[in-house]
């Protein structure tokens, strides 16, 4: 039997302090130093932001899903997604495509953080 290991999610970015503050606001995390975010409840993974010289040029291969509509369907889910999208736009996020529910998936809202990293409101 293997033991459970902790996971840290690392973001490459141009301005680690700015991106760390953005994600702390998004998730309700606390800033740890200048370049990391931690879940105050100790449940979610630590997020670490490292400065890299190159800019983002292609779509992320991995992204975060920010779970704001869990258990909601239809108009109630769309309203929750819209409310969170509007809050995050005030922080500098950019709204992407709204993907409406189909036979397999509930609706979700594509977004980008302040440096263009994709994430979803789910």
N, C-alpha and C. Protein backbone atom coordinates (compact mmCIF):
# COMPACT_ATOMS: atom_id res chain seq x y z
N UNK A 1 0.84 -1.18 0.00
CA UNK A 1 0.00 0.00 0.00
C UNK A 1 0.89 1.24 0.00
N UNK A 2 0.63 2.16 -0.91
CA UNK A 2 1.42 3.39 -0.97
C UNK A 2 0.78 4.47 -0.11
N UNK A 3 1.61 5.36 0.37
CA UNK A 3 1.09 6.46 1.18
C UNK A 3 0.65 7.62 0.27
N UNK A 4 -0.28 8.41 0.75
CA UNK A 4 -0.75 9.58 0.01
C UNK A 4 0.32 10.65 0.09
N UNK A 5 0.58 11.29 -1.04
CA UNK A 5 1.58 12.35 -1.08
C UNK A 5 0.89 13.68 -1.29
N UNK A 6 1.46 14.71 -0.73
CA UNK A 6 0.93 16.04 -0.96
C UNK A 6 1.29 16.50 -2.36
N UNK A 7 0.45 17.35 -2.92
CA UNK A 7 0.67 17.89 -4.26
C UNK A 7 0.80 19.40 -4.18
N UNK A 8 1.76 19.94 -4.90
CA UNK A 8 1.89 21.38 -5.08
C UNK A 8 1.68 21.66 -6.56
N UNK A 9 0.91 22.69 -6.88
CA UNK A 9 0.72 23.10 -8.26
C UNK A 9 1.62 24.31 -8.49
N UNK A 10 2.47 24.23 -9.50
CA UNK A 10 3.43 25.30 -9.79
C UNK A 10 3.07 26.00 -11.08
N UNK A 11 3.03 27.33 -11.03
CA UNK A 11 2.74 28.17 -12.18
C UNK A 11 4.02 28.87 -12.62
N UNK A 12 4.35 28.80 -13.90
CA UNK A 12 5.39 29.64 -14.47
C UNK A 12 4.76 30.99 -14.77
N UNK A 13 5.44 32.09 -14.43
CA UNK A 13 4.85 33.40 -14.66
C UNK A 13 5.92 34.49 -14.70
N UNK A 14 5.51 35.66 -15.15
CA UNK A 14 6.41 36.81 -15.23
C UNK A 14 6.47 37.57 -13.92
N UNK A 15 5.35 37.64 -13.19
CA UNK A 15 5.25 38.40 -11.95
C UNK A 15 4.64 37.53 -10.86
N UNK A 16 5.48 36.68 -10.21
CA UNK A 16 4.97 35.73 -9.23
C UNK A 16 4.15 36.34 -8.10
N UNK A 17 4.57 37.47 -7.57
CA UNK A 17 3.84 38.07 -6.46
C UNK A 17 2.44 38.48 -6.87
N UNK A 18 2.31 39.09 -8.04
CA UNK A 18 1.00 39.54 -8.53
C UNK A 18 0.07 38.34 -8.80
N UNK A 19 0.61 37.31 -9.44
CA UNK A 19 -0.21 36.14 -9.76
C UNK A 19 -0.59 35.39 -8.47
N UNK A 20 0.32 35.31 -7.51
CA UNK A 20 0.01 34.67 -6.23
C UNK A 20 -1.13 35.40 -5.52
N UNK A 21 -1.08 36.72 -5.49
CA UNK A 21 -2.15 37.48 -4.85
C UNK A 21 -3.49 37.26 -5.54
N UNK A 22 -3.48 37.20 -6.89
CA UNK A 22 -4.70 36.94 -7.65
C UNK A 22 -5.32 35.60 -7.22
N UNK A 23 -4.51 34.54 -7.22
CA UNK A 23 -5.04 33.22 -6.91
C UNK A 23 -5.46 33.08 -5.44
N UNK A 24 -4.81 33.80 -4.53
CA UNK A 24 -5.27 33.81 -3.14
C UNK A 24 -6.68 34.38 -3.05
N UNK A 25 -6.93 35.45 -3.80
CA UNK A 25 -8.28 36.05 -3.83
C UNK A 25 -9.30 35.11 -4.46
N UNK A 26 -8.91 34.45 -5.54
CA UNK A 26 -9.83 33.54 -6.23
C UNK A 26 -10.26 32.41 -5.31
N UNK A 27 -9.30 31.81 -4.61
CA UNK A 27 -9.55 30.59 -3.87
C UNK A 27 -9.78 30.78 -2.37
N UNK A 28 -9.60 31.99 -1.87
CA UNK A 28 -9.70 32.19 -0.42
C UNK A 28 -8.49 31.62 0.31
N UNK A 29 -7.36 31.50 -0.39
CA UNK A 29 -6.12 31.02 0.19
C UNK A 29 -5.39 32.18 0.87
N UNK A 30 -4.34 31.83 1.60
CA UNK A 30 -3.49 32.82 2.25
C UNK A 30 -2.13 32.85 1.57
N UNK A 31 -1.57 34.05 1.49
CA UNK A 31 -0.24 34.22 0.90
C UNK A 31 0.80 33.65 1.85
N UNK A 32 1.72 32.86 1.31
CA UNK A 32 2.82 32.31 2.08
C UNK A 32 4.10 32.85 1.45
N UNK A 33 4.78 33.72 2.16
CA UNK A 33 5.89 34.43 1.55
C UNK A 33 5.31 35.35 0.47
N UNK A 34 6.06 35.57 -0.59
CA UNK A 34 5.56 36.41 -1.68
C UNK A 34 5.08 35.61 -2.87
N UNK A 35 5.41 34.31 -2.92
CA UNK A 35 5.19 33.57 -4.16
C UNK A 35 4.47 32.24 -3.98
N UNK A 36 3.75 32.09 -2.89
CA UNK A 36 2.99 30.85 -2.70
C UNK A 36 1.66 31.15 -2.04
N UNK A 37 0.69 30.28 -2.28
CA UNK A 37 -0.64 30.37 -1.68
C UNK A 37 -0.93 29.05 -0.99
N UNK A 38 -1.50 29.13 0.21
CA UNK A 38 -1.87 27.92 0.94
C UNK A 38 -3.31 28.00 1.39
N UNK A 39 -3.94 26.85 1.42
CA UNK A 39 -5.31 26.72 1.90
C UNK A 39 -5.29 26.85 3.43
N UNK A 40 -5.99 27.83 4.00
CA UNK A 40 -5.95 27.99 5.45
C UNK A 40 -6.51 26.78 6.20
N UNK A 41 -7.37 25.99 5.54
CA UNK A 41 -7.91 24.78 6.16
C UNK A 41 -6.97 23.59 6.01
N UNK A 42 -5.93 23.75 5.18
CA UNK A 42 -4.97 22.68 4.98
C UNK A 42 -5.47 21.55 4.10
N UNK A 43 -6.55 21.77 3.37
CA UNK A 43 -7.14 20.71 2.55
C UNK A 43 -6.63 20.76 1.11
N UNK A 44 -6.64 21.95 0.50
CA UNK A 44 -6.25 22.09 -0.90
C UNK A 44 -4.75 22.10 -1.08
N UNK A 45 -4.30 21.92 -2.31
CA UNK A 45 -2.86 21.91 -2.57
C UNK A 45 -2.25 23.30 -2.44
N UNK A 46 -0.98 23.34 -2.13
CA UNK A 46 -0.21 24.59 -2.13
C UNK A 46 0.00 25.00 -3.58
N UNK A 47 -0.10 26.29 -3.85
CA UNK A 47 0.19 26.83 -5.18
C UNK A 47 1.48 27.63 -5.09
N UNK A 48 2.39 27.37 -6.02
CA UNK A 48 3.67 28.06 -6.03
C UNK A 48 3.84 28.75 -7.38
N UNK A 49 4.36 29.97 -7.35
CA UNK A 49 4.49 30.79 -8.56
C UNK A 49 5.96 31.13 -8.75
N UNK A 50 6.50 30.65 -9.87
CA UNK A 50 7.93 30.87 -10.14
C UNK A 50 8.12 31.73 -11.38
N UNK A 51 9.07 32.65 -11.26
CA UNK A 51 9.40 33.55 -12.37
C UNK A 51 10.16 32.79 -13.45
N UNK A 52 9.71 32.96 -14.69
CA UNK A 52 10.42 32.39 -15.84
C UNK A 52 10.59 33.50 -16.87
N UNK A 53 11.64 33.42 -17.69
CA UNK A 53 11.91 34.50 -18.64
C UNK A 53 10.98 34.51 -19.85
N UNK A 54 10.47 33.35 -20.24
CA UNK A 54 9.64 33.30 -21.43
C UNK A 54 8.17 33.54 -21.09
N UNK A 55 7.44 34.09 -22.04
CA UNK A 55 6.01 34.31 -21.87
C UNK A 55 5.23 33.09 -22.27
N UNK A 56 3.95 33.09 -21.94
CA UNK A 56 3.05 32.00 -22.32
C UNK A 56 2.75 32.12 -23.81
N UNK A 57 2.87 30.99 -24.53
CA UNK A 57 2.65 31.04 -25.97
C UNK A 57 1.59 30.06 -26.48
N UNK A 58 1.24 29.04 -25.70
CA UNK A 58 0.24 28.07 -26.13
C UNK A 58 -0.72 27.75 -24.98
N UNK A 59 -1.76 27.03 -25.32
CA UNK A 59 -2.75 26.62 -24.33
C UNK A 59 -2.11 25.76 -23.24
N UNK A 60 -2.59 25.93 -22.00
CA UNK A 60 -2.12 25.10 -20.90
C UNK A 60 -2.43 23.63 -21.18
N UNK A 61 -1.55 22.74 -20.76
CA UNK A 61 -1.83 21.31 -20.84
C UNK A 61 -2.55 20.84 -19.57
N UNK A 62 -2.44 21.60 -18.50
CA UNK A 62 -3.13 21.33 -17.24
C UNK A 62 -3.76 22.63 -16.79
N UNK A 63 -4.95 22.56 -16.22
CA UNK A 63 -5.58 23.78 -15.71
C UNK A 63 -6.34 23.48 -14.43
N UNK A 64 -6.66 24.52 -13.68
CA UNK A 64 -7.46 24.37 -12.47
C UNK A 64 -8.93 24.51 -12.82
N UNK A 65 -9.77 23.74 -12.17
CA UNK A 65 -11.21 23.92 -12.20
C UNK A 65 -11.60 24.50 -10.85
N UNK A 66 -12.14 25.70 -10.84
CA UNK A 66 -12.60 26.34 -9.61
C UNK A 66 -14.07 25.95 -9.45
N UNK A 67 -14.37 25.15 -8.45
CA UNK A 67 -15.67 24.50 -8.28
C UNK A 67 -16.66 25.43 -7.60
N UNK A 68 -17.39 26.20 -8.37
CA UNK A 68 -18.37 27.14 -7.80
C UNK A 68 -19.81 26.70 -8.04
N UNK A 69 -20.01 25.69 -8.88
CA UNK A 69 -21.37 25.26 -9.21
C UNK A 69 -21.67 23.83 -8.83
N UNK A 70 -20.86 23.26 -7.95
CA UNK A 70 -21.05 21.85 -7.57
C UNK A 70 -22.47 21.61 -7.07
N UNK A 71 -23.13 20.63 -7.66
CA UNK A 71 -24.48 20.26 -7.25
C UNK A 71 -25.58 21.10 -7.88
N UNK A 72 -25.21 22.16 -8.59
CA UNK A 72 -26.21 23.03 -9.21
C UNK A 72 -26.39 22.63 -10.68
N UNK A 73 -27.59 22.83 -11.19
CA UNK A 73 -27.88 22.53 -12.59
C UNK A 73 -28.71 23.66 -13.19
N UNK A 74 -28.76 23.69 -14.50
CA UNK A 74 -29.61 24.62 -15.22
C UNK A 74 -29.32 26.07 -14.91
N UNK A 75 -30.38 26.86 -14.78
CA UNK A 75 -30.26 28.30 -14.56
C UNK A 75 -29.56 28.64 -13.25
N UNK A 76 -29.76 27.82 -12.24
CA UNK A 76 -29.10 28.07 -10.95
C UNK A 76 -27.58 27.94 -11.09
N UNK A 77 -27.14 26.95 -11.84
CA UNK A 77 -25.69 26.78 -12.08
C UNK A 77 -25.15 27.94 -12.91
N UNK A 78 -25.87 28.31 -13.97
CA UNK A 78 -25.43 29.43 -14.81
C UNK A 78 -25.32 30.72 -14.01
N UNK A 79 -26.26 30.95 -13.09
CA UNK A 79 -26.21 32.15 -12.26
C UNK A 79 -24.99 32.14 -11.34
N UNK A 80 -24.66 30.97 -10.77
CA UNK A 80 -23.48 30.87 -9.90
C UNK A 80 -22.20 31.11 -10.70
N UNK A 81 -22.14 30.54 -11.90
CA UNK A 81 -20.97 30.75 -12.75
C UNK A 81 -20.83 32.22 -13.12
N UNK A 82 -21.94 32.85 -13.47
CA UNK A 82 -21.90 34.27 -13.87
C UNK A 82 -21.48 35.16 -12.71
N UNK A 83 -22.00 34.90 -11.53
CA UNK A 83 -21.64 35.72 -10.36
C UNK A 83 -20.14 35.62 -10.06
N UNK A 84 -19.60 34.40 -10.10
CA UNK A 84 -18.17 34.24 -9.82
C UNK A 84 -17.33 34.82 -10.94
N UNK A 85 -17.77 34.66 -12.17
CA UNK A 85 -17.06 35.23 -13.31
C UNK A 85 -16.96 36.75 -13.16
N UNK A 86 -18.06 37.39 -12.81
CA UNK A 86 -18.07 38.85 -12.63
C UNK A 86 -17.12 39.26 -11.51
N UNK A 87 -17.09 38.51 -10.41
CA UNK A 87 -16.18 38.82 -9.29
C UNK A 87 -14.72 38.71 -9.74
N UNK A 88 -14.41 37.67 -10.49
CA UNK A 88 -13.03 37.44 -10.92
C UNK A 88 -12.59 38.43 -11.99
N UNK A 89 -13.51 38.89 -12.83
CA UNK A 89 -13.16 39.91 -13.81
C UNK A 89 -12.71 41.19 -13.11
N UNK A 90 -13.30 41.50 -11.96
CA UNK A 90 -12.88 42.68 -11.20
C UNK A 90 -11.46 42.54 -10.66
N UNK A 91 -10.99 41.28 -10.51
CA UNK A 91 -9.63 41.02 -10.06
C UNK A 91 -8.64 40.99 -11.22
N UNK A 92 -9.14 41.07 -12.45
CA UNK A 92 -8.28 41.07 -13.62
C UNK A 92 -8.38 39.83 -14.49
N UNK A 93 -9.23 38.88 -14.12
CA UNK A 93 -9.42 37.69 -14.95
C UNK A 93 -10.13 38.07 -16.25
N UNK A 94 -9.98 37.23 -17.25
CA UNK A 94 -10.60 37.46 -18.54
C UNK A 94 -11.60 36.33 -18.81
N UNK A 95 -12.80 36.73 -19.16
CA UNK A 95 -13.86 35.77 -19.47
C UNK A 95 -13.57 35.11 -20.82
N UNK A 96 -13.74 33.80 -20.87
CA UNK A 96 -13.62 33.05 -22.12
C UNK A 96 -14.98 32.55 -22.54
N UNK A 97 -14.99 31.40 -23.17
CA UNK A 97 -16.22 30.82 -23.70
C UNK A 97 -17.03 30.14 -22.60
N UNK A 98 -18.33 30.36 -22.63
CA UNK A 98 -19.26 29.64 -21.76
C UNK A 98 -19.63 28.35 -22.48
N UNK A 99 -19.35 27.23 -21.85
CA UNK A 99 -19.70 25.93 -22.42
C UNK A 99 -20.98 25.46 -21.75
N UNK A 100 -22.06 25.37 -22.53
CA UNK A 100 -23.36 25.00 -21.98
C UNK A 100 -23.46 23.48 -21.79
N UNK A 101 -24.31 23.08 -20.85
CA UNK A 101 -24.49 21.68 -20.53
C UNK A 101 -24.88 20.88 -21.77
N UNK A 102 -24.40 19.63 -21.81
CA UNK A 102 -24.80 18.71 -22.87
C UNK A 102 -25.17 17.38 -22.20
N UNK A 103 -25.20 16.31 -22.96
CA UNK A 103 -25.59 15.01 -22.40
C UNK A 103 -24.60 14.47 -21.38
N UNK A 104 -23.35 14.94 -21.42
CA UNK A 104 -22.31 14.39 -20.55
C UNK A 104 -21.83 15.35 -19.47
N UNK A 105 -21.85 16.65 -19.72
CA UNK A 105 -21.22 17.61 -18.82
C UNK A 105 -22.18 18.74 -18.46
N UNK A 106 -22.01 19.25 -17.26
CA UNK A 106 -22.73 20.45 -16.85
C UNK A 106 -22.04 21.67 -17.45
N UNK A 107 -22.68 22.80 -17.40
CA UNK A 107 -22.12 24.05 -17.94
C UNK A 107 -20.85 24.44 -17.16
N UNK A 108 -19.91 25.07 -17.87
CA UNK A 108 -18.73 25.62 -17.23
C UNK A 108 -18.30 26.87 -18.00
N UNK A 109 -17.56 27.74 -17.33
CA UNK A 109 -17.11 29.00 -17.90
C UNK A 109 -15.60 28.97 -18.02
N UNK A 110 -15.08 29.09 -19.23
CA UNK A 110 -13.63 29.20 -19.43
C UNK A 110 -13.18 30.60 -19.04
N UNK A 111 -12.01 30.68 -18.40
CA UNK A 111 -11.46 31.95 -17.94
C UNK A 111 -9.95 31.94 -18.16
N UNK A 112 -9.34 33.13 -18.03
CA UNK A 112 -7.89 33.27 -17.99
C UNK A 112 -7.52 34.13 -16.80
N UNK A 113 -6.42 33.78 -16.13
CA UNK A 113 -5.96 34.60 -15.02
C UNK A 113 -5.24 35.84 -15.55
N UNK A 114 -4.61 36.60 -14.69
CA UNK A 114 -4.03 37.88 -15.07
C UNK A 114 -2.80 37.76 -15.96
N UNK A 115 -2.27 36.55 -16.14
CA UNK A 115 -1.17 36.34 -17.09
C UNK A 115 -1.57 35.42 -18.24
N UNK A 116 -2.86 35.16 -18.37
CA UNK A 116 -3.35 34.39 -19.51
C UNK A 116 -3.44 32.89 -19.30
N UNK A 117 -3.18 32.40 -18.08
CA UNK A 117 -3.31 30.97 -17.81
C UNK A 117 -4.78 30.58 -17.75
N UNK A 118 -5.15 29.55 -18.50
CA UNK A 118 -6.53 29.14 -18.55
C UNK A 118 -6.95 28.43 -17.27
N UNK A 119 -8.22 28.63 -16.89
CA UNK A 119 -8.84 27.88 -15.83
C UNK A 119 -10.33 27.85 -16.11
N UNK A 120 -11.05 27.01 -15.41
CA UNK A 120 -12.50 26.90 -15.61
C UNK A 120 -13.24 27.18 -14.32
N UNK A 121 -14.37 27.84 -14.45
CA UNK A 121 -15.34 27.87 -13.35
C UNK A 121 -16.27 26.72 -13.64
N UNK A 122 -16.33 25.80 -12.71
CA UNK A 122 -17.04 24.54 -12.91
C UNK A 122 -18.16 24.41 -11.90
